[in-house]
């Protein structure tokens, strides 16, 4: 009855002497657009590319080769009641200039699409002759019929895979073969225009490693490891990626809460722990995600690991290699599934 139980009695106990695994959370899905925003590239690139209807990051360019109102063509005809051949000056354009803008940031075309089109507003068909040169290859047109009331009739279209940019296109000896009395066949009474132009679209991929790391914050973990007095824990997760780049975990910042002495609590990087990064995160593609196991070991340099408030995963982006679809799409995602903490050798707690 006279013994002070609070003095000289060891009230600590070790639980789970083998291994205990604590589930934490899932992270994601995160998209490439969020990644670019996290490294302040989003605003820079917004003026260079956009997202098309399918979600792909693209650059586009459209240029008019020729345009003339029907009324002016009619006024220049020697005999407006007869068919008219109208010559178009030779033209040289540079569609690939649109794709060179993001190139200095490491982006390259993964799929390029080019089309040469004709606008025929007339209620009767017309024809086109001439020659198009693109990527050292030529296409010759010999009175190719253009349907009546065509907004953008495709005279030529082609898709090109690979990083070589379509840097130049040219037309030679182009001729419009207009029907007889074509003014009468213009629904706008001569105010419509007959035109020719091209459209260029490039879907983008990473062509080289991104020069800066991408931070992925894991906030609000609130892992109360400090009260368990553990010196070594393993954070593990399954990373599911559809993004066509390899991500390498370069470093991990362990975040803890700190009181500044005036009642203000802030989150800071803990310098009293060391972190060993895990494996690379393999690349995937849209509709075909790849699962990579990732393990991060956290060790206390002195004493035990404190309560962890969050993590920041610092990832480097490596350009894709080998075969497969490398196009970047805002609908592609990366997820960190079943993030968990594993403690070996038990955890120590205070007894009652």
Protein backbone atom coordinates (compact mmCIF):
# COMPACT_ATOMS: atom_id res chain seq x y z
CA UNK A 1 0.00 0.00 0.00
CA UNK A 2 2.97 2.29 0.54
CA UNK A 3 4.66 1.44 -2.83
CA UNK A 4 4.52 4.19 -5.51
CA UNK A 5 3.52 2.33 -8.68
CA UNK A 6 4.47 5.32 -10.84
CA UNK A 7 8.10 4.95 -9.87
CA UNK A 8 10.41 2.16 -10.93
CA UNK A 9 7.87 0.08 -12.86
CA UNK A 10 8.43 -0.44 -16.58
CA UNK A 11 5.04 0.16 -18.17
CA UNK A 12 6.20 -0.21 -21.78
CA UNK A 13 5.15 -3.20 -23.85
CA UNK A 14 5.93 -4.46 -27.34
CA UNK A 15 3.04 -5.48 -29.57
CA UNK A 16 3.03 -7.41 -32.84
CA UNK A 17 6.49 -8.86 -32.30
CA UNK A 18 6.53 -10.17 -35.87
CA UNK A 19 5.14 -7.77 -38.52
CA UNK A 20 2.24 -5.30 -38.55
CA UNK A 21 0.91 -3.68 -41.73
CA UNK A 22 -1.19 -0.52 -41.47
CA UNK A 23 -3.29 0.57 -44.51
CA UNK A 24 -3.22 4.31 -45.19
CA UNK A 25 -4.97 5.45 -48.35
CA UNK A 26 -5.10 5.52 -52.13
CA UNK A 27 -3.69 8.50 -54.05
CA UNK A 28 -4.96 9.72 -57.39
CA UNK A 29 -5.90 9.54 -60.09
CA UNK A 30 -3.47 12.21 -61.24
CA UNK A 31 -3.16 13.33 -64.88
CA UNK A 32 -0.27 14.74 -66.97
CA UNK A 33 -2.02 18.11 -66.96
CA UNK A 34 -1.78 18.18 -63.15
CA UNK A 35 1.89 17.17 -63.34
CA UNK A 36 2.67 20.04 -65.71
CA UNK A 37 0.80 22.43 -63.45
CA UNK A 38 2.76 21.28 -60.41
CA UNK A 39 6.05 22.26 -62.07
CA UNK A 40 4.64 25.57 -63.40
CA UNK A 41 4.74 24.39 -67.01
CA UNK A 42 1.00 24.48 -67.48
CA UNK A 43 0.77 28.24 -68.08
CA UNK A 44 3.83 28.19 -70.33
CA UNK A 45 2.53 25.40 -72.51
CA UNK A 46 -1.07 26.61 -72.67
CA UNK A 47 -0.05 29.03 -75.43
CA UNK A 48 1.75 26.29 -77.35
CA UNK A 49 -0.66 23.39 -77.29
CA UNK A 50 -4.25 22.55 -76.47
CA UNK A 51 -6.33 19.46 -75.73
CA UNK A 52 -8.38 18.05 -78.60
CA UNK A 53 -11.79 16.39 -78.39
CA UNK A 54 -10.20 13.01 -77.57
CA UNK A 55 -8.10 14.45 -74.76
CA UNK A 56 -4.72 14.43 -76.54
CA UNK A 57 -2.22 17.25 -76.17
CA UNK A 58 -1.87 18.74 -79.66
CA UNK A 59 -0.55 21.65 -81.67
CA UNK A 60 -2.43 22.76 -84.76
CA UNK A 61 -1.97 25.08 -87.70
CA UNK A 62 -4.29 26.02 -90.57
CA UNK A 63 -3.31 28.21 -93.51
CA UNK A 64 -5.17 29.41 -96.60
CA UNK A 65 -3.40 28.82 -99.90
CA UNK A 66 -5.98 30.55 -102.08
CA UNK A 67 -9.31 32.33 -101.62
CA UNK A 68 -11.42 34.41 -104.00
CA UNK A 69 -15.09 35.50 -104.04
CA UNK A 70 -17.23 33.98 -106.78
CA UNK A 71 -18.19 37.45 -107.99
CA UNK A 72 -14.56 38.47 -108.66
CA UNK A 73 -13.93 35.24 -110.52
CA UNK A 74 -17.05 35.86 -112.59
CA UNK A 75 -15.91 39.39 -113.42
CA UNK A 76 -12.54 38.07 -114.64
CA UNK A 77 -14.07 35.45 -116.93
CA UNK A 78 -13.87 36.11 -120.70
CA UNK A 79 -17.16 34.25 -121.20
CA UNK A 80 -19.05 33.64 -117.92
CA UNK A 81 -21.35 31.14 -119.63
CA UNK A 82 -18.43 28.77 -120.30
CA UNK A 83 -16.36 26.67 -117.87
CA UNK A 84 -13.39 28.57 -116.39
CA UNK A 85 -9.91 27.41 -115.42
CA UNK A 86 -8.38 29.51 -112.62
CA UNK A 87 -4.67 29.20 -111.92
CA UNK A 88 -3.33 29.37 -108.34
CA UNK A 89 0.13 30.77 -107.66
CA UNK A 90 2.71 28.27 -106.43
CA UNK A 91 2.73 28.12 -102.65
CA UNK A 92 5.17 27.05 -99.92
CA UNK A 93 4.01 26.63 -96.32
CA UNK A 94 5.60 25.51 -93.06
CA UNK A 95 3.06 23.46 -91.10
CA UNK A 96 5.64 21.96 -88.73
CA UNK A 97 6.44 25.38 -87.25
CA UNK A 98 3.50 24.75 -84.92
CA UNK A 99 5.24 21.67 -83.50
CA UNK A 100 8.61 23.36 -83.02
CA UNK A 101 7.27 25.58 -80.23
CA UNK A 102 7.02 22.85 -77.54
CA UNK A 103 10.16 21.09 -78.83
CA UNK A 104 12.54 23.14 -76.69
CA UNK A 105 10.65 21.90 -73.62
CA UNK A 106 11.19 18.27 -74.59
CA UNK A 107 7.98 17.59 -76.54
CA UNK A 108 7.92 16.02 -79.98
CA UNK A 109 5.20 14.94 -82.42
CA UNK A 110 4.03 11.37 -81.91
CA UNK A 111 1.39 11.45 -84.65
CA UNK A 112 1.10 14.14 -87.32
CA UNK A 113 -1.92 14.62 -89.56
CA UNK A 114 -1.93 16.77 -92.70
CA UNK A 115 -4.80 17.50 -95.06
CA UNK A 116 -5.18 19.67 -98.16
CA UNK A 117 -8.77 20.83 -98.60
CA UNK A 118 -10.95 22.75 -101.04
CA UNK A 119 -14.02 24.89 -100.27
CA UNK A 120 -16.66 24.72 -103.02
CA UNK A 121 -19.81 26.70 -102.14
CA UNK A 122 -21.43 26.16 -105.54
CA UNK A 123 -24.46 23.96 -106.11
CA UNK A 124 -22.50 22.17 -108.84
CA UNK A 125 -19.25 20.25 -108.60
CA UNK A 126 -15.87 21.53 -109.76
CA UNK A 127 -12.41 19.96 -110.19
CA UNK A 128 -8.79 20.56 -109.14
CA UNK A 129 -5.49 19.79 -110.85
CA UNK A 130 -1.92 20.33 -109.68
CA UNK A 131 0.85 18.90 -107.52
CA UNK A 132 1.44 18.73 -103.77
CA UNK A 133 4.90 17.99 -102.29
CA UNK A 134 5.17 16.88 -98.67
CA UNK A 135 8.13 15.25 -96.90
CA UNK A 136 9.95 14.75 -100.22
CA UNK A 137 6.96 12.84 -101.64
CA UNK A 138 4.58 14.19 -104.26
CA UNK A 139 0.89 13.77 -105.05
CA UNK A 140 -0.42 14.75 -108.49
CA UNK A 141 -4.08 15.70 -109.01
CA UNK A 142 -5.64 15.50 -112.46
CA UNK A 143 -9.05 17.12 -112.47
CA UNK A 144 -10.04 15.56 -109.16
CA UNK A 145 -13.79 16.19 -108.70
CA UNK A 146 -14.84 18.36 -105.74
CA UNK A 147 -18.40 17.81 -104.56
CA UNK A 148 -20.95 20.61 -104.65
CA UNK A 149 -21.53 22.59 -101.43
CA UNK A 150 -18.31 21.28 -99.85
CA UNK A 151 -17.12 23.14 -96.77
CA UNK A 152 -13.72 21.42 -96.40
CA UNK A 153 -13.43 18.75 -99.09
CA UNK A 154 -10.25 16.71 -98.46
CA UNK A 155 -8.20 16.69 -101.61
CA UNK A 156 -5.38 14.90 -99.79
CA UNK A 157 -4.87 13.58 -96.25
CA UNK A 158 -2.09 11.62 -94.60
CA UNK A 159 -0.97 10.63 -91.10
CA UNK A 160 2.70 10.30 -90.17
CA UNK A 161 4.15 8.50 -87.14
CA UNK A 162 7.50 9.37 -85.65
CA UNK A 163 9.43 12.41 -84.45
CA UNK A 164 10.36 13.88 -87.88
CA UNK A 165 8.44 17.15 -88.18
CA UNK A 166 6.57 17.98 -91.39
CA UNK A 167 8.56 21.15 -91.86
CA UNK A 168 7.46 22.22 -95.35
CA UNK A 169 4.74 21.68 -97.93
CA UNK A 170 4.42 23.15 -101.43
CA UNK A 171 1.90 23.25 -104.27
CA UNK A 172 2.68 23.69 -107.95
CA UNK A 173 0.59 24.29 -111.09
CA UNK A 174 -2.66 24.22 -109.17
CA UNK A 175 -5.76 24.89 -111.29
CA UNK A 176 -9.44 25.21 -110.33
CA UNK A 177 -11.80 23.92 -113.03
CA UNK A 178 -15.06 25.87 -112.50
CA UNK A 179 -18.36 24.91 -114.17
CA UNK A 180 -20.15 27.09 -116.70
CA UNK A 181 -22.31 29.93 -115.37
CA UNK A 182 -20.87 29.38 -111.88
CA UNK A 183 -22.14 32.74 -110.58
CA UNK A 184 -25.69 31.47 -110.95
CA UNK A 185 -24.76 28.45 -108.86
CA UNK A 186 -23.63 30.46 -105.83
CA UNK A 187 -26.39 30.50 -103.17
CA UNK A 188 -25.04 33.83 -101.86
CA UNK A 189 -25.18 35.55 -105.26
CA UNK A 190 -21.44 35.91 -105.69
CA UNK A 191 -20.45 36.64 -102.09
CA UNK A 192 -19.27 33.09 -101.40
CA UNK A 193 -15.57 32.30 -101.72
CA UNK A 194 -13.87 29.39 -103.43
CA UNK A 195 -10.79 28.50 -101.40
CA UNK A 196 -7.96 26.04 -100.86
CA UNK A 197 -5.93 25.51 -97.69
CA UNK A 198 -4.22 22.99 -95.45
CA UNK A 199 -4.66 21.80 -91.88
CA UNK A 200 -1.90 20.40 -89.69
CA UNK A 201 -2.26 18.65 -86.35
CA UNK A 202 0.43 17.01 -84.21
CA UNK A 203 -0.26 14.92 -81.13
CA UNK A 204 2.58 15.30 -78.64
CA UNK A 205 4.84 13.02 -76.65
CA UNK A 206 7.92 13.55 -74.49
CA UNK A 207 11.01 13.47 -76.71
CA UNK A 208 13.58 13.86 -73.93
CA UNK A 209 13.76 13.76 -70.16
CA UNK A 210 11.93 16.57 -68.41
CA UNK A 211 14.62 18.91 -66.99
CA UNK A 212 12.89 19.35 -63.62
CA UNK A 213 11.44 16.95 -61.07
CA UNK A 214 7.70 16.57 -60.50
CA UNK A 215 6.53 16.74 -56.88
CA UNK A 216 3.58 14.58 -55.85
CA UNK A 217 2.34 15.59 -52.40
CA UNK A 218 0.73 13.02 -50.10
CA UNK A 219 -1.00 15.22 -47.56
CA UNK A 220 -2.92 14.56 -44.35
CA UNK A 221 -1.37 11.17 -43.62
CA UNK A 222 -1.31 11.71 -39.85
CA UNK A 223 0.74 8.59 -39.13
CA UNK A 224 1.20 8.51 -35.30
CA UNK A 225 4.51 6.66 -35.46
CA UNK A 226 6.09 8.79 -32.75
CA UNK A 227 4.06 7.18 -29.97
CA UNK A 228 5.02 3.69 -31.19
CA UNK A 229 8.77 4.30 -31.00
CA UNK A 230 9.72 2.65 -34.27
CA UNK A 231 13.08 3.18 -35.93
CA UNK A 232 12.44 1.61 -39.32
CA UNK A 233 9.25 1.41 -41.41
CA UNK A 234 8.48 0.42 -44.98
CA UNK A 235 5.99 2.41 -47.07
CA UNK A 236 4.74 0.33 -49.97
CA UNK A 237 2.21 0.85 -52.74
CA UNK A 238 1.17 -0.43 -56.16
CA UNK A 239 1.52 2.28 -58.81
CA UNK A 240 -0.87 1.95 -61.76
CA UNK A 241 0.20 4.17 -64.66
CA UNK A 242 -1.28 4.85 -68.09
CA UNK A 243 1.12 7.72 -68.73
CA UNK A 244 3.69 6.92 -71.48
CA UNK A 245 6.78 8.00 -69.53
CA UNK A 246 9.02 6.32 -66.98
CA UNK A 247 8.92 7.98 -63.57
CA UNK A 248 11.92 7.56 -61.27
CA UNK A 249 11.58 8.27 -57.56
CA UNK A 250 14.58 10.50 -56.92
CA UNK A 251 13.84 11.50 -53.32
CA UNK A 252 11.12 11.61 -50.68
CA UNK A 253 10.51 14.45 -48.24
CA UNK A 254 9.00 13.35 -44.92
CA UNK A 255 6.75 16.11 -43.55
CA UNK A 256 6.12 16.64 -39.82
CA UNK A 257 4.17 19.25 -37.88
CA UNK A 258 6.16 21.79 -35.91
CA UNK A 259 5.07 24.32 -33.30
CA UNK A 260 6.84 27.67 -33.62
CA UNK A 261 6.45 28.31 -29.89
CA UNK A 262 3.67 30.84 -30.36
CA UNK A 263 0.88 28.35 -30.87
CA UNK A 264 1.25 28.25 -34.65
CA UNK A 265 1.65 24.81 -36.20
CA UNK A 266 3.24 24.42 -39.62
CA UNK A 267 4.33 21.48 -41.73
CA UNK A 268 8.08 21.20 -42.38
CA UNK A 269 10.51 18.67 -43.81
CA UNK A 270 11.92 16.34 -41.16
CA UNK A 271 15.73 16.16 -41.27
CA UNK A 272 16.03 13.44 -38.63
CA UNK A 273 15.04 10.59 -40.94
CA UNK A 274 16.67 9.03 -43.97
CA UNK A 275 14.68 7.69 -46.90
CA UNK A 276 15.68 5.05 -49.41
CA UNK A 277 13.67 5.42 -52.65
CA UNK A 278 12.26 2.37 -54.36
CA UNK A 279 11.90 1.22 -57.94
CA UNK A 280 11.11 3.11 -61.12
CA UNK A 281 7.48 3.45 -62.18
CA UNK A 282 7.05 1.83 -65.58
CA UNK A 283 5.30 3.59 -68.43
CA UNK A 284 1.90 2.58 -69.76
CA UNK A 285 -0.53 3.96 -72.31
CA UNK A 286 -4.22 4.78 -72.60
CA UNK A 287 -6.34 1.72 -71.86
CA UNK A 288 -3.28 -0.41 -71.01
CA UNK A 289 -2.03 0.56 -67.54
CA UNK A 290 1.14 -0.97 -66.10
CA UNK A 291 1.43 -1.86 -62.41
CA UNK A 292 4.74 -1.22 -60.61
CA UNK A 293 5.39 -2.05 -56.94
CA UNK A 294 7.05 0.80 -55.07
CA UNK A 295 8.76 0.51 -51.68
CA UNK A 296 10.11 3.41 -49.61
CA UNK A 297 12.08 2.68 -46.42
CA UNK A 298 12.15 5.36 -43.72
CA UNK A 299 14.76 5.11 -40.97
CA UNK A 300 15.32 7.30 -37.93
CA UNK A 301 18.81 8.75 -37.88
CA UNK A 302 18.59 9.37 -34.13
CA UNK A 303 15.97 8.13 -31.69
CA UNK A 304 12.71 7.05 -33.30
CA UNK A 305 10.58 8.18 -36.24
CA UNK A 306 8.27 11.11 -35.34
CA UNK A 307 4.61 11.45 -36.28
CA UNK A 308 4.41 11.82 -40.06
CA UNK A 309 1.99 14.46 -41.39
CA UNK A 310 2.65 13.84 -45.09
CA UNK A 311 5.11 12.95 -47.82
CA UNK A 312 6.34 14.56 -50.99
CA UNK A 313 7.43 12.16 -53.72
CA UNK A 314 9.92 13.85 -56.05
CA UNK A 315 9.84 12.13 -59.44
CA UNK A 316 11.93 12.64 -62.55
CA UNK A 317 10.31 12.10 -65.95
CA UNK A 318 12.19 9.96 -68.48
CA UNK A 319 11.29 10.02 -72.17
CA UNK A 320 9.59 6.84 -73.42
CA UNK A 321 11.61 4.26 -75.31
CA UNK A 322 10.74 1.25 -77.44
CA UNK A 323 7.43 0.54 -79.11
CA UNK A 324 3.92 1.53 -78.04
CA UNK A 325 1.63 4.52 -78.02
CA UNK A 326 3.59 7.47 -76.61
CA UNK A 327 0.94 10.19 -77.07
CA UNK A 328 0.10 12.28 -74.02
CA UNK A 329 -3.57 12.42 -73.12
CA UNK A 330 -5.19 14.36 -70.30
CA UNK A 331 -7.38 11.32 -69.56
CA UNK A 332 -4.35 9.17 -68.79
CA UNK A 333 -3.86 8.69 -65.07
CA UNK A 334 -1.43 7.49 -62.45
CA UNK A 335 -2.69 6.05 -59.17
CA UNK A 336 -0.99 4.94 -55.97
CA UNK A 337 -3.13 2.08 -54.70
CA UNK A 338 -3.10 0.47 -51.26
CA UNK A 339 -0.50 2.73 -49.71
CA UNK A 340 0.48 1.03 -46.43
CA UNK A 341 3.06 1.10 -43.65
CA UNK A 342 4.79 -2.10 -42.57
CA UNK A 343 6.61 -2.28 -39.23
CA UNK A 344 8.90 -5.23 -38.46
CA UNK A 345 9.95 -6.29 -34.99
CA UNK A 346 6.93 -4.89 -33.21
CA UNK A 347 5.89 -1.48 -31.93
CA UNK A 348 6.40 -0.16 -28.42
CA UNK A 349 3.55 1.48 -26.47
CA UNK A 350 3.10 2.73 -22.94
CA UNK A 351 1.12 0.42 -20.68
CA UNK A 352 -1.79 1.69 -18.56
